[in-house]
Amino acid sequence: MAARGLDAVTTAEAVEALSLDKLLVTKWVDGERLAESHAEDVGRLVGVAINAYLTMYLDIGLLHCDPHPGNFLRTPDGRLCILDFGMVTKVPEGVNYKVRTRKHGVAACCFPGSCR
């Protein structure tokens, strides 16, 4: 994400020596659940999360598919940590282009059958 200007996003570092094809082991990340944090920058980090997901979807073509409150931490240095990459999908080729070129943008794809 840093390469795309999203320095405020981090993930847990993978431990390759312990990971397998269907098991990802990561290092511990210190932080507090974003949904439970009382820090003043929580609103900013929610915006960072939205930008991160749009970047994954529209630019990278891979999408973290488990965005529940337990998978977002606020790190002690004020960054957003996205956890649990056990469910990731590849965005079908052309779908992100359709979203980018729609008159109503992402909102147009929020309803089943609206992104054709």
C-alpha atoms as a PDB file:
ATOM      1  CA  MET A   1       0.000   0.000   0.000  1.00  0.00           C
ATOM      2  CA  ALA A   2       2.907   2.373   0.671  1.00  0.00           C
ATOM      3  CA  ALA A   3       3.824   2.194  -3.018  1.00  0.00           C
ATOM      4  CA  ARG A   4       0.364   3.583  -3.785  1.00  0.00           C
ATOM      5  CA  GLY A   5       0.564   6.460  -1.307  1.00  0.00           C
ATOM      6  CA  LEU A   6      -1.207   4.694   1.545  1.00  0.00           C
ATOM      7  CA  ASP A   7       1.571   4.809   4.149  1.00  0.00           C
ATOM      8  CA  ALA A   8      -1.046   4.770   6.902  1.00  0.00           C
ATOM      9  CA  VAL A   9      -1.917   1.129   6.103  1.00  0.00           C
ATOM     10  CA  THR A  10       0.015  -1.866   7.363  1.00  0.00           C
ATOM     11  CA  THR A  11      -0.521  -5.598   7.731  1.00  0.00           C
ATOM     12  CA  ALA A  12       0.922  -8.290   9.923  1.00  0.00           C
ATOM     13  CA  GLU A  13       4.244  -9.578   8.605  1.00  0.00           C
ATOM     14  CA  ALA A  14       4.059 -13.161   7.329  1.00  0.00           C
ATOM     15  CA  VAL A  15       6.276 -15.817   8.877  1.00  0.00           C
ATOM     16  CA  GLU A  16       7.107 -17.767   5.741  1.00  0.00           C
ATOM     17  CA  ALA A  17       8.955 -20.556   7.544  1.00  0.00           C
ATOM     18  CA  LEU A  18       5.740 -21.481   9.408  1.00  0.00           C
ATOM     19  CA  SER A  19       3.237 -20.793   6.613  1.00  0.00           C
ATOM     20  CA  LEU A  20       1.883 -23.389   4.192  1.00  0.00           C
ATOM     21  CA  ASP A  21      -0.217 -23.240   1.025  1.00  0.00           C
ATOM     22  CA  LYS A  22      -3.428 -23.017   3.054  1.00  0.00           C
ATOM     23  CA  LEU A  23      -2.080 -21.635   6.323  1.00  0.00           C
ATOM     24  CA  LEU A  24      -0.716 -18.131   6.784  1.00  0.00           C
ATOM     25  CA  VAL A  25       1.166 -17.482  10.016  1.00  0.00           C
ATOM     26  CA  THR A  26       1.881 -13.853  10.872  1.00  0.00           C
ATOM     27  CA  LYS A  27       3.727 -11.939  13.542  1.00  0.00           C
ATOM     28  CA  TRP A  28       1.768 -10.301  16.356  1.00  0.00           C
ATOM     29  CA  VAL A  29       0.716  -6.687  15.787  1.00  0.00           C
ATOM     30  CA  ASP A  30       0.304  -4.383  18.758  1.00  0.00           C
ATOM     31  CA  GLY A  31      -2.770  -2.212  18.603  1.00  0.00           C
ATOM     32  CA  GLU A  32      -6.362  -1.742  19.607  1.00  0.00           C
ATOM     33  CA  ARG A  33      -9.455  -2.697  17.690  1.00  0.00           C
ATOM     34  CA  LEU A  34     -10.472   0.263  15.577  1.00  0.00           C
ATOM     35  CA  ALA A  35     -14.122  -0.174  16.560  1.00  0.00           C
ATOM     36  CA  GLU A  36     -13.203   0.035  20.264  1.00  0.00           C
ATOM     37  CA  SER A  37     -10.648   2.830  20.050  1.00  0.00           C
ATOM     38  CA  HIS A  38     -11.340   6.248  21.528  1.00  0.00           C
ATOM     39  CA  ALA A  39      -8.396   7.881  19.744  1.00  0.00           C
ATOM     40  CA  GLU A  40      -9.133  11.139  17.952  1.00  0.00           C
ATOM     41  CA  ASP A  41      -7.926   9.802  14.607  1.00  0.00           C
ATOM     42  CA  VAL A  42     -10.391   6.904  14.282  1.00  0.00           C
ATOM     43  CA  GLY A  43     -12.471   8.817  11.715  1.00  0.00           C
ATOM     44  CA  ARG A  44      -9.367   9.433   9.630  1.00  0.00           C
ATOM     45  CA  LEU A  45      -8.465   5.736   9.817  1.00  0.00           C
ATOM     46  CA  VAL A  46     -11.950   4.757   8.644  1.00  0.00           C
ATOM     47  CA  GLY A  47     -11.315   6.964   5.599  1.00  0.00           C
ATOM     48  CA  VAL A  48      -7.925   5.286   5.172  1.00  0.00           C
ATOM     49  CA  ALA A  49      -9.692   1.889   5.215  1.00  0.00           C
ATOM     50  CA  ILE A  50     -12.111   3.005   2.504  1.00  0.00           C
ATOM     51  CA  ASN A  51      -9.222   4.259   0.364  1.00  0.00           C
ATOM     52  CA  ALA A  52      -7.315   1.022   0.956  1.00  0.00           C
ATOM     53  CA  TYR A  53     -10.263  -1.125  -0.142  1.00  0.00           C
ATOM     54  CA  LEU A  54     -10.884   1.007  -3.219  1.00  0.00           C
ATOM     55  CA  THR A  55      -7.182   0.744  -4.083  1.00  0.00           C
ATOM     56  CA  MET A  56      -7.271  -3.038  -3.656  1.00  0.00           C
ATOM     57  CA  TYR A  57     -10.387  -3.309  -5.806  1.00  0.00           C
ATOM     58  CA  LEU A  58      -9.763  -0.740  -8.525  1.00  0.00           C
ATOM     59  CA  ASP A  59      -5.974  -0.693  -8.787  1.00  0.00           C
ATOM     60  CA  ILE A  60      -4.403  -3.870  -7.425  1.00  0.00           C
ATOM     61  CA  GLY A  61      -7.117  -6.309  -8.496  1.00  0.00           C
ATOM     62  CA  LEU A  62      -7.070  -8.324  -5.262  1.00  0.00           C
ATOM     63  CA  LEU A  63      -9.587  -7.808  -2.492  1.00  0.00           C
ATOM     64  CA  HIS A  64      -9.489  -8.666   1.229  1.00  0.00           C
ATOM     65  CA  CYS A  65     -12.928 -10.219   1.705  1.00  0.00           C
ATOM     66  CA  ASP A  66     -13.311 -10.235   5.475  1.00  0.00           C
ATOM     67  CA  PRO A  67     -13.699  -6.575   6.504  1.00  0.00           C
ATOM     68  CA  HIS A  68     -15.346  -6.992   9.904  1.00  0.00           C
ATOM     69  CA  PRO A  69     -14.441  -4.815  12.927  1.00  0.00           C
ATOM     70  CA  GLY A  70     -12.165  -7.473  14.424  1.00  0.00           C
ATOM     71  CA  ASN A  71      -9.844  -7.272  11.426  1.00  0.00           C
ATOM     72  CA  PHE A  72      -8.953  -3.585  11.800  1.00  0.00           C
ATOM     73  CA  LEU A  73      -6.471  -2.341  14.385  1.00  0.00           C
ATOM     74  CA  ARG A  74      -5.216   1.109  15.246  1.00  0.00           C
ATOM     75  CA  THR A  75      -1.488   0.695  15.820  1.00  0.00           C
ATOM     76  CA  PRO A  76       0.336   2.694  18.535  1.00  0.00           C
ATOM     77  CA  ASP A  77       1.884   4.886  15.800  1.00  0.00           C
ATOM     78  CA  GLY A  78      -1.586   5.756  14.425  1.00  0.00           C
ATOM     79  CA  ARG A  79      -1.697   3.487  11.383  1.00  0.00           C
ATOM     80  CA  LEU A  80      -4.456   1.160  10.229  1.00  0.00           C
ATOM     81  CA  CYS A  81      -3.539  -2.522  10.358  1.00  0.00           C
ATOM     82  CA  ILE A  82      -5.693  -4.833   8.242  1.00  0.00           C
ATOM     83  CA  LEU A  83      -5.625  -8.389   9.611  1.00  0.00           C
ATOM     84  CA  ASP A  84      -6.634 -11.861   8.405  1.00  0.00           C
ATOM     85  CA  PHE A  85      -5.933 -12.341   4.736  1.00  0.00           C
ATOM     86  CA  GLY A  86      -7.421 -15.840   4.801  1.00  0.00           C
ATOM     87  CA  MET A  87     -10.177 -14.788   2.415  1.00  0.00           C
ATOM     88  CA  VAL A  88      -8.893 -12.854  -0.593  1.00  0.00           C
ATOM     89  CA  THR A  89     -10.357 -12.826  -4.070  1.00  0.00           C
ATOM     90  CA  LYS A  90      -9.013 -11.761  -7.412  1.00  0.00           C
ATOM     91  CA  VAL A  91     -11.196  -9.123  -9.021  1.00  0.00           C
ATOM     92  CA  PRO A  92     -12.311 -10.482 -12.414  1.00  0.00           C
ATOM     93  CA  GLU A  93     -10.584  -8.693 -15.259  1.00  0.00           C
ATOM     94  CA  GLY A  94     -12.667  -5.822 -16.571  1.00  0.00           C
ATOM     95  CA  VAL A  95     -14.920  -5.488 -13.514  1.00  0.00           C
ATOM     96  CA  ASN A  96     -12.789  -2.783 -11.928  1.00  0.00           C
ATOM     97  CA  TYR A  97     -12.693  -0.973 -15.276  1.00  0.00           C
ATOM     98  CA  LYS A  98     -16.495  -1.010 -15.404  1.00  0.00           C
ATOM     99  CA  VAL A  99     -16.678   0.511 -11.934  1.00  0.00           C
ATOM    100  CA  ARG A 100     -14.129   3.205 -12.787  1.00  0.00           C
ATOM    101  CA  THR A 101     -15.993   4.194 -15.944  1.00  0.00           C
ATOM    102  CA  ARG A 102     -19.560   4.140 -14.607  1.00  0.00           C
ATOM    103  CA  LYS A 103     -21.280   7.494 -14.292  1.00  0.00           C
ATOM    104  CA  HIS A 104     -22.161   6.820 -10.652  1.00  0.00           C
ATOM    105  CA  GLY A 105     -18.859   5.154  -9.729  1.00  0.00           C
ATOM    106  CA  VAL A 106     -18.667   2.622  -6.932  1.00  0.00           C
ATOM    107  CA  ALA A 107     -22.196   3.338  -5.697  1.00  0.00           C
ATOM    108  CA  ALA A 108     -23.476   1.871  -8.960  1.00  0.00           C
ATOM    109  CA  CYS A 109     -22.013  -1.524  -8.039  1.00  0.00           C
ATOM    110  CA  CYS A 110     -23.495  -1.679  -4.581  1.00  0.00           C
ATOM    111  CA  PHE A 111     -26.681  -3.268  -5.848  1.00  0.00           C
ATOM    112  CA  PRO A 112     -26.902  -6.773  -7.370  1.00  0.00           C
ATOM    113  CA  GLY A 113     -27.006  -6.700 -11.136  1.00  0.00           C
ATOM    114  CA  SER A 114     -26.169  -3.010 -11.418  1.00  0.00           C
ATOM    115  CA  CYS A 115     -22.612  -3.440 -12.713  1.00  0.00           C
ATOM    116  CA  ARG A 116     -22.974  -4.902 -16.198  1.00  0.00           C
END
